Amino acid sequence: DIYPTPADYDAAFAKFAASVAEPRHLVVCGDDPGVGHLSAPGATFYGIEERLAIDPVSCRLAPLDWTASGVSGTPAGGVGCDIWRFDRRRMGQRRAGSLALALPGTHNVRNALAALAVADLLEADLAGAAAALASFRGTARRFELRGEAGGVTVIDDYGHHPTEVRATLAAARMRYPERRIVAYLQPHTFSRTEALLDQWPEACTEADLLLVGDIYAAREQGDPVALARTLAERIALAGVDARYSGHVEASATVLIGLARPGDVVITFGAGDGDRAGTSLLHQLEDR
């Protein structure tokens, strides 16, 4: 919407990075391939496992400053890991402690690493920071548990582009490894859906069943049905059980007919697609 091309997008982040007066105060995800476009000498890098970041000055791989290892789901349904910190003076890693989050997903480990890196730069107590992260229960519309009824768990998520949906589905699989995951996706805007069409199939592989609803047009004009059908067909070609389900009310009806005890139903979208999950819960409660 704001950045018409990838080059425009990269330029905005490069400009922001260049505006940071103290290099180490720029905290960068070393796992993100997009950081290769930044000129960020001396930045603080974080990421998973023992991956390396590219130092823009030397163009050599350099260790990440903050890393996590042993990332796995916890019995409580969250995610745990060991935290490691690279000592630039001694040129070696040291264990900085462990972390247990209430929220599932590798992406939340990355978020926590970023928060710890910032806390360290602000000279905050790291044990206190880790405890605060452990107590964080998330925000509305981000892997938000809407309720349970009839043995069905209903979750809502604001994710509306492939990267978000991929991360949330992986988190759901981490928390519910043995349960069937049924997802309902309300694609957001025609332009965005068309631009990201090729990225959707791989993003949805963790779903056992995927319903693709009509496009949420927002401020755009177009046929909400045709492109949604195309998206469902494209995802199905990749081996995902994907089906077109229509508008929100129709999708809710389809969900009610498909949901069975033990299912985890996730509604995705930045529009009003969460109404499908709410309707599902109400009807399950009335059975």
C-alpha atoms as a PDB file:
ATOM      1  CA  ASP A   1       0.000   0.000   0.000  1.00  0.00           C
ATOM      2  CA  ILE A   2       2.806   2.410   0.910  1.00  0.00           C
ATOM      3  CA  TYR A   3       5.807   0.788  -0.762  1.00  0.00           C
ATOM      4  CA  PRO A   4       4.945  -0.112  -4.381  1.00  0.00           C
ATOM      5  CA  THR A   5       8.077  -2.203  -4.976  1.00  0.00           C
ATOM      6  CA  PRO A   6      10.500  -4.307  -2.884  1.00  0.00           C
ATOM      7  CA  ALA A   7      13.176  -1.696  -3.605  1.00  0.00           C
ATOM      8  CA  ASP A   8      11.007   1.022  -2.046  1.00  0.00           C
ATOM      9  CA  TYR A   9      10.442  -1.180   0.988  1.00  0.00           C
ATOM     10  CA  ASP A  10      14.158  -1.899   1.409  1.00  0.00           C
ATOM     11  CA  ALA A  11      15.000   1.790   1.006  1.00  0.00           C
ATOM     12  CA  ALA A  12      12.656   2.766   3.846  1.00  0.00           C
ATOM     13  CA  PHE A  13      14.324   0.357   6.263  1.00  0.00           C
ATOM     14  CA  ALA A  14      17.793   1.378   5.104  1.00  0.00           C
ATOM     15  CA  LYS A  15      16.928   5.021   5.761  1.00  0.00           C
ATOM     16  CA  PHE A  16      15.641   4.153   9.216  1.00  0.00           C
ATOM     17  CA  ALA A  17      18.755   2.111  10.043  1.00  0.00           C
ATOM     18  CA  ALA A  18      21.015   4.959   8.930  1.00  0.00           C
ATOM     19  CA  SER A  19      19.221   7.345  11.293  1.00  0.00           C
ATOM     20  CA  VAL A  20      20.231   5.421  14.437  1.00  0.00           C
ATOM     21  CA  ALA A  21      23.029   7.391  16.095  1.00  0.00           C
ATOM     22  CA  GLU A  22      24.491   4.549  18.174  1.00  0.00           C
ATOM     23  CA  PRO A  23      25.068   1.499  15.904  1.00  0.00           C
ATOM     24  CA  ARG A  24      24.559  -1.137  18.594  1.00  0.00           C
ATOM     25  CA  HIS A  25      21.168   0.366  19.418  1.00  0.00           C
ATOM     26  CA  LEU A  26      19.899  -0.943  16.102  1.00  0.00           C
ATOM     27  CA  VAL A  27      18.525  -4.403  16.949  1.00  0.00           C
ATOM     28  CA  VAL A  28      18.243  -6.574  13.842  1.00  0.00           C
ATOM     29  CA  CYS A  29      16.868 -10.062  13.180  1.00  0.00           C
ATOM     30  CA  GLY A  30      19.779 -11.951  11.680  1.00  0.00           C
ATOM     31  CA  ASP A  31      17.447 -14.690  10.409  1.00  0.00           C
ATOM     32  CA  ASP A  32      15.743 -12.261   8.043  1.00  0.00           C
ATOM     33  CA  PRO A  33      17.284 -12.327   4.547  1.00  0.00           C
ATOM     34  CA  GLY A  34      16.126  -8.748   4.062  1.00  0.00           C
ATOM     35  CA  VAL A  35      18.756  -7.397   6.453  1.00  0.00           C
ATOM     36  CA  GLY A  36      21.339  -7.947   3.739  1.00  0.00           C
ATOM     37  CA  HIS A  37      20.072  -4.689   2.234  1.00  0.00           C
ATOM     38  CA  LEU A  38      20.937  -2.720   5.368  1.00  0.00           C
ATOM     39  CA  SER A  39      24.174  -0.956   6.080  1.00  0.00           C
ATOM     40  CA  ALA A  40      24.273  -1.630   9.800  1.00  0.00           C
ATOM     41  CA  PRO A  41      27.866  -1.924  11.048  1.00  0.00           C
ATOM     42  CA  GLY A  42      27.988  -2.605  14.760  1.00  0.00           C
ATOM     43  CA  ALA A  43      24.275  -3.441  15.018  1.00  0.00           C
ATOM     44  CA  THR A  44      22.991  -5.939  17.582  1.00  0.00           C
ATOM     45  CA  PHE A  45      21.852  -9.144  15.857  1.00  0.00           C
ATOM     46  CA  TYR A  46      19.584 -11.877  17.185  1.00  0.00           C
ATOM     47  CA  GLY A  47      18.261 -15.153  15.776  1.00  0.00           C
ATOM     48  CA  ILE A  48      17.669 -18.858  16.240  1.00  0.00           C
ATOM     49  CA  GLU A  49      20.338 -21.526  16.770  1.00  0.00           C
ATOM     50  CA  GLU A  50      23.847 -20.788  15.511  1.00  0.00           C
ATOM     51  CA  ARG A  51      23.047 -18.867  12.374  1.00  0.00           C
ATOM     52  CA  LEU A  52      25.363 -16.106  11.288  1.00  0.00           C
ATOM     53  CA  ALA A  53      24.639 -12.563  10.217  1.00  0.00           C
ATOM     54  CA  ILE A  54      26.402 -10.757   7.396  1.00  0.00           C
ATOM     55  CA  ASP A  55      28.524  -7.883   8.639  1.00  0.00           C
ATOM     56  CA  PRO A  56      27.848  -5.147   6.056  1.00  0.00           C
ATOM     57  CA  VAL A  57      31.331  -3.671   6.508  1.00  0.00           C
ATOM     58  CA  SER A  58      33.474  -6.769   6.069  1.00  0.00           C
ATOM     59  CA  CYS A  59      30.816  -8.717   4.116  1.00  0.00           C
ATOM     60  CA  ARG A  60      31.784 -11.700   6.276  1.00  0.00           C
ATOM     61  CA  LEU A  61      29.573 -13.902   8.374  1.00  0.00           C
ATOM     62  CA  ALA A  62      29.596 -12.872  12.022  1.00  0.00           C
ATOM     63  CA  PRO A  63      28.025 -14.614  15.042  1.00  0.00           C
ATOM     64  CA  LEU A  64      24.654 -13.397  16.215  1.00  0.00           C
ATOM     65  CA  ASP A  65      24.751 -11.460  19.482  1.00  0.00           C
ATOM     66  CA  TRP A  66      21.683 -13.213  20.915  1.00  0.00           C
ATOM     67  CA  THR A  67      20.650 -16.731  19.959  1.00  0.00           C
ATOM     68  CA  ALA A  68      18.277 -19.441  21.126  1.00  0.00           C
ATOM     69  CA  SER A  69      18.873 -23.181  21.014  1.00  0.00           C
ATOM     70  CA  GLY A  70      16.768 -26.201  21.880  1.00  0.00           C
ATOM     71  CA  VAL A  71      13.536 -24.490  20.865  1.00  0.00           C
ATOM     72  CA  SER A  72      10.616 -26.794  21.650  1.00  0.00           C
ATOM     73  CA  GLY A  73       7.069 -26.807  22.900  1.00  0.00           C
ATOM     74  CA  THR A  74       6.410 -26.933  26.637  1.00  0.00           C
ATOM     75  CA  PRO A  75       3.853 -29.074  28.499  1.00  0.00           C
ATOM     76  CA  ALA A  76       1.918 -25.882  29.239  1.00  0.00           C
ATOM     77  CA  GLY A  77       1.486 -25.182  25.529  1.00  0.00           C
ATOM     78  CA  GLY A  78       4.126 -22.488  25.166  1.00  0.00           C
ATOM     79  CA  VAL A  79       7.695 -22.632  23.921  1.00  0.00           C
ATOM     80  CA  GLY A  80      10.992 -22.967  25.756  1.00  0.00           C
ATOM     81  CA  CYS A  81      14.658 -22.573  24.830  1.00  0.00           C
ATOM     82  CA  ASP A  82      18.144 -21.813  26.054  1.00  0.00           C
ATOM     83  CA  ILE A  83      19.465 -18.293  25.515  1.00  0.00           C
ATOM     84  CA  TRP A  84      23.035 -17.618  24.393  1.00  0.00           C
ATOM     85  CA  ARG A  85      24.922 -14.364  24.196  1.00  0.00           C
ATOM     86  CA  PHE A  86      28.001 -13.690  22.100  1.00  0.00           C
ATOM     87  CA  ASP A  87      30.765 -11.824  23.911  1.00  0.00           C
ATOM     88  CA  ARG A  88      32.409  -9.622  21.284  1.00  0.00           C
ATOM     89  CA  ARG A  89      35.415  -8.906  23.483  1.00  0.00           C
ATOM     90  CA  ARG A  90      36.173 -12.546  24.244  1.00  0.00           C
ATOM     91  CA  MET A  91      34.854 -13.729  20.867  1.00  0.00           C
ATOM     92  CA  GLY A  92      32.842 -16.553  22.343  1.00  0.00           C
ATOM     93  CA  GLN A  93      29.333 -17.561  23.304  1.00  0.00           C
ATOM     94  CA  ARG A  94      28.099 -17.963  26.849  1.00  0.00           C
ATOM     95  CA  ARG A  95      24.802 -19.251  28.120  1.00  0.00           C
ATOM     96  CA  ALA A  96      22.648 -16.393  29.371  1.00  0.00           C
ATOM     97  CA  GLY A  97      19.872 -18.525  30.846  1.00  0.00           C
ATOM     98  CA  SER A  98      16.686 -20.215  29.757  1.00  0.00           C
ATOM     99  CA  LEU A  99      13.330 -18.922  28.675  1.00  0.00           C
ATOM    100  CA  ALA A 100       9.814 -20.337  28.891  1.00  0.00           C
ATOM    101  CA  LEU A 101       7.073 -18.431  27.095  1.00  0.00           C
ATOM    102  CA  ALA A 102       3.337 -18.897  27.524  1.00  0.00           C
ATOM    103  CA  LEU A 103       2.897 -18.349  23.787  1.00  0.00           C
ATOM    104  CA  PRO A 104       3.884 -21.026  21.257  1.00  0.00           C
ATOM    105  CA  GLY A 105       5.921 -20.603  18.103  1.00  0.00           C
ATOM    106  CA  THR A 106       9.472 -19.992  16.977  1.00  0.00           C
ATOM    107  CA  HIS A 107       8.505 -16.487  15.892  1.00  0.00           C
ATOM    108  CA  ASN A 108       7.731 -15.649  19.523  1.00  0.00           C
ATOM    109  CA  VAL A 109      11.203 -16.847  20.521  1.00  0.00           C
ATOM    110  CA  ARG A 110      12.596 -14.324  18.046  1.00  0.00           C
ATOM    111  CA  ASN A 111      10.365 -11.629  19.526  1.00  0.00           C
ATOM    112  CA  ALA A 112      11.623 -12.519  22.995  1.00  0.00           C
ATOM    113  CA  LEU A 113      15.260 -12.406  21.870  1.00  0.00           C
ATOM    114  CA  ALA A 114      14.690  -8.924  20.467  1.00  0.00           C
ATOM    115  CA  ALA A 115      13.129  -7.819  23.751  1.00  0.00           C
ATOM    116  CA  LEU A 116      16.042  -9.237  25.763  1.00  0.00           C
ATOM    117  CA  ALA A 117      18.545  -7.507  23.489  1.00  0.00           C
ATOM    118  CA  VAL A 118      16.797  -4.168  24.003  1.00  0.00           C
ATOM    119  CA  ALA A 119      16.556  -4.752  27.760  1.00  0.00           C
ATOM    120  CA  ASP A 120      20.292  -5.436  27.866  1.00  0.00           C
ATOM    121  CA  LEU A 121      21.078  -2.259  25.924  1.00  0.00           C
ATOM    122  CA  LEU A 122      18.982  -0.338  28.454  1.00  0.00           C
ATOM    123  CA  GLU A 123      20.939  -2.052  31.264  1.00  0.00           C
ATOM    124  CA  ALA A 124      17.796  -3.641  32.665  1.00  0.00           C
ATOM    125  CA  ASP A 125      17.884  -6.753  34.841  1.00  0.00           C
ATOM    126  CA  LEU A 126      17.843  -9.689  32.418  1.00  0.00           C
ATOM    127  CA  ALA A 127      16.365 -12.139  34.920  1.00  0.00           C
ATOM    128  CA  GLY A 128      13.515  -9.722  35.491  1.00  0.00           C
ATOM    129  CA  ALA A 129      13.090  -9.259  31.752  1.00  0.00           C
ATOM    130  CA  ALA A 130      12.911 -13.021  31.221  1.00  0.00           C
ATOM    131  CA  ALA A 131      10.320 -13.333  33.992  1.00  0.00           C
ATOM    132  CA  ALA A 132       8.240 -10.579  32.419  1.00  0.00           C
ATOM    133  CA  LEU A 133       8.386 -12.321  29.047  1.00  0.00           C
ATOM    134  CA  ALA A 134       7.285 -15.579  30.664  1.00  0.00           C
ATOM    135  CA  SER A 135       4.206 -13.858  32.085  1.00  0.00           C
ATOM    136  CA  PHE A 136       3.168 -12.267  28.779  1.00  0.00           C
ATOM    137  CA  ARG A 137      -0.075 -13.804  27.509  1.00  0.00           C
ATOM    138  CA  GLY A 138      -0.253 -12.157  24.121  1.00  0.00           C
ATOM    139  CA  THR A 139      -2.531  -9.566  22.550  1.00  0.00           C
ATOM    140  CA  ALA A 140      -5.983  -9.547  21.026  1.00  0.00           C
ATOM    141  CA  ARG A 141      -6.220 -11.131  17.583  1.00  0.00           C
ATOM    142  CA  ARG A 142      -2.766 -12.719  17.739  1.00  0.00           C
ATOM    143  CA  PHE A 143      -3.231 -16.448  18.385  1.00  0.00           C
ATOM    144  CA  GLU A 144      -6.108 -15.394  20.621  1.00  0.00           C
ATOM    145  CA  LEU A 145      -8.051 -18.244  22.223  1.00  0.00           C
ATOM    146  CA  ARG A 146     -11.682 -17.323  21.614  1.00  0.00           C
ATOM    147  CA  GLY A 147     -13.131 -20.335  23.414  1.00  0.00           C
ATOM    148  CA  GLU A 148     -13.818 -24.047  23.425  1.00  0.00           C
ATOM    149  CA  ALA A 149     -17.104 -25.857  22.850  1.00  0.00           C
ATOM    150  CA  GLY A 150     -18.016 -29.377  21.858  1.00  0.00           C
ATOM    151  CA  GLY A 151     -14.384 -30.419  22.094  1.00  0.00           C
ATOM    152  CA  VAL A 152     -13.418 -27.809  19.479  1.00  0.00           C
ATOM    153  CA  THR A 153     -10.830 -25.112  20.245  1.00  0.00           C
ATOM    154  CA  VAL A 154     -11.353 -21.825  18.393  1.00  0.00           C
ATOM    155  CA  ILE A 155      -8.456 -19.394  17.892  1.00  0.00           C
ATOM    156  CA  ASP A 156      -8.411 -16.081  16.034  1.00  0.00           C
ATOM    157  CA  ASP A 157      -5.381 -14.510  14.399  1.00  0.00           C
ATOM    158  CA  TYR A 158      -4.914 -11.223  12.560  1.00  0.00           C
ATOM    159  CA  GLY A 159      -2.491 -12.811  10.112  1.00  0.00           C
ATOM    160  CA  HIS A 160      -3.357 -11.891   6.548  1.00  0.00           C
ATOM    161  CA  HIS A 161      -0.187 -12.446   4.560  1.00  0.00           C
ATOM    162  CA  PRO A 162       1.769 -15.692   4.044  1.00  0.00           C
ATOM    163  CA  THR A 163       4.592 -15.024   6.517  1.00  0.00           C
ATOM    164  CA  GLU A 164       2.177 -14.416   9.391  1.00  0.00           C
ATOM    165  CA  VAL A 165      -0.066 -17.352   8.557  1.00  0.00           C
ATOM    166  CA  ARG A 166       2.902 -19.709   8.193  1.00  0.00           C
ATOM    167  CA  ALA A 167       4.236 -18.705  11.618  1.00  0.00           C
ATOM    168  CA  THR A 168       0.858 -19.061  13.332  1.00  0.00           C
ATOM    169  CA  LEU A 169       0.120 -22.454  11.800  1.00  0.00           C
ATOM    170  CA  ALA A 170       3.568 -23.673  12.882  1.00  0.00           C
ATOM    171  CA  ALA A 171       2.841 -22.386  16.396  1.00  0.00           C
ATOM    172  CA  ALA A 172      -0.486 -24.199  16.411  1.00  0.00           C
ATOM    173  CA  ARG A 173       1.226 -27.414  15.353  1.00  0.00           C
ATOM    174  CA  MET A 174       3.739 -26.929  18.166  1.00  0.00           C
ATOM    175  CA  ARG A 175       0.992 -26.543  20.774  1.00  0.00           C
ATOM    176  CA  TYR A 176      -1.390 -29.138  19.334  1.00  0.00           C
ATOM    177  CA  PRO A 177       0.827 -31.747  17.635  1.00  0.00           C
ATOM    178  CA  GLU A 178      -1.789 -34.509  17.566  1.00  0.00           C
ATOM    179  CA  ARG A 179      -4.914 -32.511  16.777  1.00  0.00           C
ATOM    180  CA  ARG A 180      -6.497 -31.689  13.425  1.00  0.00           C
ATOM    181  CA  ILE A 181      -5.930 -28.054  12.468  1.00  0.00           C
ATOM    182  CA  VAL A 182      -8.743 -26.485  10.468  1.00  0.00           C
ATOM    183  CA  ALA A 183      -8.052 -22.978   9.199  1.00  0.00           C
ATOM    184  CA  TYR A 184     -10.331 -20.374   7.658  1.00  0.00           C
ATOM    185  CA  LEU A 185      -8.582 -17.636   5.689  1.00  0.00           C
ATOM    186  CA  GLN A 186     -10.210 -14.371   4.694  1.00  0.00           C
ATOM    187  CA  PRO A 187      -7.739 -12.964   2.120  1.00  0.00           C
ATOM    188  CA  HIS A 188      -7.133  -9.234   2.519  1.00  0.00           C
ATOM    189  CA  THR A 189      -7.564  -6.978  -0.547  1.00  0.00           C
ATOM    190  CA  PHE A 190      -7.314  -7.963  -4.201  1.00  0.00           C
ATOM    191  CA  SER A 191      -3.951  -6.320  -4.851  1.00  0.00           C
ATOM    192  CA  ARG A 192      -2.252  -8.012  -1.906  1.00  0.00           C
ATOM    193  CA  THR A 193      -3.725 -11.419  -2.695  1.00  0.00           C
ATOM    194  CA  GLU A 194      -2.601 -11.209  -6.318  1.00  0.00           C
ATOM    195  CA  ALA A 195       0.884  -9.991  -5.390  1.00  0.00           C
ATOM    196  CA  LEU A 196       1.445 -12.838  -2.910  1.00  0.00           C
ATOM    197  CA  LEU A 197      -0.425 -15.580  -4.752  1.00  0.00           C
ATOM    198  CA  ASP A 198       2.643 -17.777  -5.271  1.00  0.00           C
ATOM    199  CA  GLN A 199       3.646 -17.597  -1.593  1.00  0.00           C
ATOM    200  CA  TRP A 200       0.390 -18.917  -0.169  1.00  0.00           C
ATOM    201  CA  PRO A 201       0.667 -22.664  -0.899  1.00  0.00           C
ATOM    202  CA  GLU A 202       3.862 -23.183   1.114  1.00  0.00           C
ATOM    203  CA  ALA A 203       2.535 -21.011   3.932  1.00  0.00           C
ATOM    204  CA  CYS A 204      -0.481 -23.260   4.495  1.00  0.00           C
ATOM    205  CA  THR A 205       1.123 -26.701   4.628  1.00  0.00           C
ATOM    206  CA  GLU A 206       0.601 -27.153   8.384  1.00  0.00           C
ATOM    207  CA  ALA A 207      -3.179 -26.916   7.999  1.00  0.00           C
ATOM    208  CA  ASP A 208      -4.982 -30.245   7.741  1.00  0.00           C
ATOM    209  CA  LEU A 209      -7.923 -28.459   6.148  1.00  0.00           C
ATOM    210  CA  LEU A 210      -8.071 -24.904   4.814  1.00  0.00           C
ATOM    211  CA  LEU A 211     -11.167 -22.910   3.915  1.00  0.00           C
ATOM    212  CA  VAL A 212     -10.582 -19.871   1.712  1.00  0.00           C
ATOM    213  CA  GLY A 213     -13.315 -17.272   2.001  1.00  0.00           C
ATOM    214  CA  ASP A 214     -14.184 -14.323  -0.181  1.00  0.00           C
ATOM    215  CA  ILE A 215     -11.636 -11.534  -0.517  1.00  0.00           C
ATOM    216  CA  TYR A 216     -12.041  -8.763   2.065  1.00  0.00           C
ATOM    217  CA  ALA A 217     -11.984  -5.823  -0.320  1.00  0.00           C
ATOM    218  CA  ALA A 218     -11.441  -3.025   2.232  1.00  0.00           C
ATOM    219  CA  ARG A 219     -10.937   0.079   0.063  1.00  0.00           C
ATOM    220  CA  GLU A 220     -10.547  -1.792  -3.248  1.00  0.00           C
ATOM    221  CA  GLN A 221     -12.977  -2.847  -5.965  1.00  0.00           C
ATOM    222  CA  GLY A 222     -13.165  -6.279  -7.549  1.00  0.00           C
ATOM    223  CA  ASP A 223     -14.798  -9.689  -7.644  1.00  0.00           C
ATOM    224  CA  PRO A 224     -14.379 -11.226  -4.167  1.00  0.00           C
ATOM    225  CA  VAL A 225     -15.240 -14.707  -5.415  1.00  0.00           C
ATOM    226  CA  ALA A 226     -13.108 -15.328  -8.510  1.00  0.00           C
ATOM    227  CA  LEU A 227      -9.736 -14.519  -6.958  1.00  0.00           C
ATOM    228  CA  ALA A 228     -10.607 -16.452  -3.779  1.00  0.00           C
ATOM    229  CA  ARG A 229     -11.419 -19.526  -5.866  1.00  0.00           C
ATOM    230  CA  THR A 230      -8.131 -19.130  -7.717  1.00  0.00           C
ATOM    231  CA  LEU A 231      -6.258 -18.906  -4.423  1.00  0.00           C
ATOM    232  CA  ALA A 232      -7.944 -22.043  -3.054  1.00  0.00           C
ATOM    233  CA  GLU A 233      -7.144 -23.942  -6.249  1.00  0.00           C
ATOM    234  CA  ARG A 234      -3.522 -22.782  -6.190  1.00  0.00           C
ATOM    235  CA  ILE A 235      -3.089 -23.935  -2.583  1.00  0.00           C
ATOM    236  CA  ALA A 236      -4.798 -27.264  -3.297  1.00  0.00           C
ATOM    237  CA  LEU A 237      -2.346 -27.959  -6.127  1.00  0.00           C
ATOM    238  CA  ALA A 238       0.426 -27.927  -3.509  1.00  0.00           C
ATOM    239  CA  GLY A 239      -1.186 -30.850  -1.682  1.00  0.00           C
ATOM    240  CA  VAL A 240      -3.149 -28.924   0.939  1.00  0.00           C
ATOM    241  CA  ASP A 241      -6.819 -29.834   1.413  1.00  0.00           C
ATOM    242  CA  ALA A 242      -8.015 -26.346   0.482  1.00  0.00           C
ATOM    243  CA  ARG A 243     -11.584 -25.417  -0.419  1.00  0.00           C
ATOM    244  CA  TYR A 244     -13.413 -22.235  -1.336  1.00  0.00           C
ATOM    245  CA  SER A 245     -16.041 -21.450   1.332  1.00  0.00           C
ATOM    246  CA  GLY A 246     -17.720 -18.184   0.308  1.00  0.00           C
ATOM    247  CA  HIS A 247     -18.604 -15.161   2.417  1.00  0.00           C
ATOM    248  CA  VAL A 248     -18.188 -15.075   6.195  1.00  0.00           C
ATOM    249  CA  GLU A 249     -21.635 -16.439   7.045  1.00  0.00           C
ATOM    250  CA  ALA A 250     -21.333 -19.222   4.488  1.00  0.00           C
ATOM    251  CA  SER A 251     -17.849 -20.068   5.765  1.00  0.00           C
ATOM    252  CA  ALA A 252     -19.195 -20.299   9.316  1.00  0.00           C
ATOM    253  CA  THR A 253     -21.828 -22.765   8.113  1.00  0.00           C
ATOM    254  CA  VAL A 254     -19.149 -24.854   6.397  1.00  0.00           C
ATOM    255  CA  LEU A 255     -17.053 -24.824   9.570  1.00  0.00           C
ATOM    256  CA  ILE A 256     -20.005 -25.981  11.649  1.00  0.00           C
ATOM    257  CA  GLY A 257     -20.546 -28.890   9.289  1.00  0.00           C
ATOM    258  CA  LEU A 258     -16.885 -29.901   9.296  1.00  0.00           C
ATOM    259  CA  ALA A 259     -15.784 -29.324  12.897  1.00  0.00           C
ATOM    260  CA  ARG A 260     -15.492 -32.368  15.104  1.00  0.00           C
ATOM    261  CA  PRO A 261     -14.309 -32.968  18.683  1.00  0.00           C
ATOM    262  CA  GLY A 262     -10.556 -32.548  18.976  1.00  0.00           C
ATOM    263  CA  ASP A 263     -10.272 -30.000  16.183  1.00  0.00           C
ATOM    264  CA  VAL A 264      -8.396 -26.719  16.477  1.00  0.00           C
ATOM    265  CA  VAL A 265     -10.093 -24.090  14.309  1.00  0.00           C
ATOM    266  CA  ILE A 266      -8.133 -20.934  13.455  1.00  0.00           C
ATOM    267  CA  THR A 267      -9.673 -17.933  11.721  1.00  0.00           C
ATOM    268  CA  PHE A 268      -7.229 -15.720   9.817  1.00  0.00           C
ATOM    269  CA  GLY A 269      -7.668 -12.209   8.487  1.00  0.00           C
ATOM    270  CA  ALA A 270      -7.540  -8.478   9.140  1.00  0.00           C
ATOM    271  CA  GLY A 271     -11.187  -7.935   8.257  1.00  0.00           C
ATOM    272  CA  ASP A 272     -14.296  -9.418   9.845  1.00  0.00           C
ATOM    273  CA  GLY A 273     -13.455 -13.082   9.316  1.00  0.00           C
ATOM    274  CA  ASP A 274     -13.274 -13.642  13.065  1.00  0.00           C
ATOM    275  CA  ARG A 275     -17.080 -13.620  13.011  1.00  0.00           C
ATOM    276  CA  ALA A 276     -16.934 -17.103  11.503  1.00  0.00           C
ATOM    277  CA  GLY A 277     -15.200 -18.389  14.625  1.00  0.00           C
ATOM    278  CA  THR A 278     -17.633 -16.596  16.926  1.00  0.00           C
ATOM    279  CA  SER A 279     -20.586 -18.092  15.060  1.00  0.00           C
ATOM    280  CA  LEU A 280     -19.012 -21.539  15.238  1.00  0.00           C
ATOM    281  CA  LEU A 281     -18.594 -21.272  19.005  1.00  0.00           C
ATOM    282  CA  HIS A 282     -22.170 -20.123  19.556  1.00  0.00           C
ATOM    283  CA  GLN A 283     -23.629 -22.950  17.520  1.00  0.00           C
ATOM    284  CA  LEU A 284     -21.417 -25.556  19.166  1.00  0.00           C
ATOM    285  CA  GLU A 285     -22.515 -24.277  22.572  1.00  0.00           C
ATOM    286  CA  ASP A 286     -26.171 -24.621  21.552  1.00  0.00           C
ATOM    287  CA  ARG A 287     -25.851 -28.256  20.479  1.00  0.00           C
END
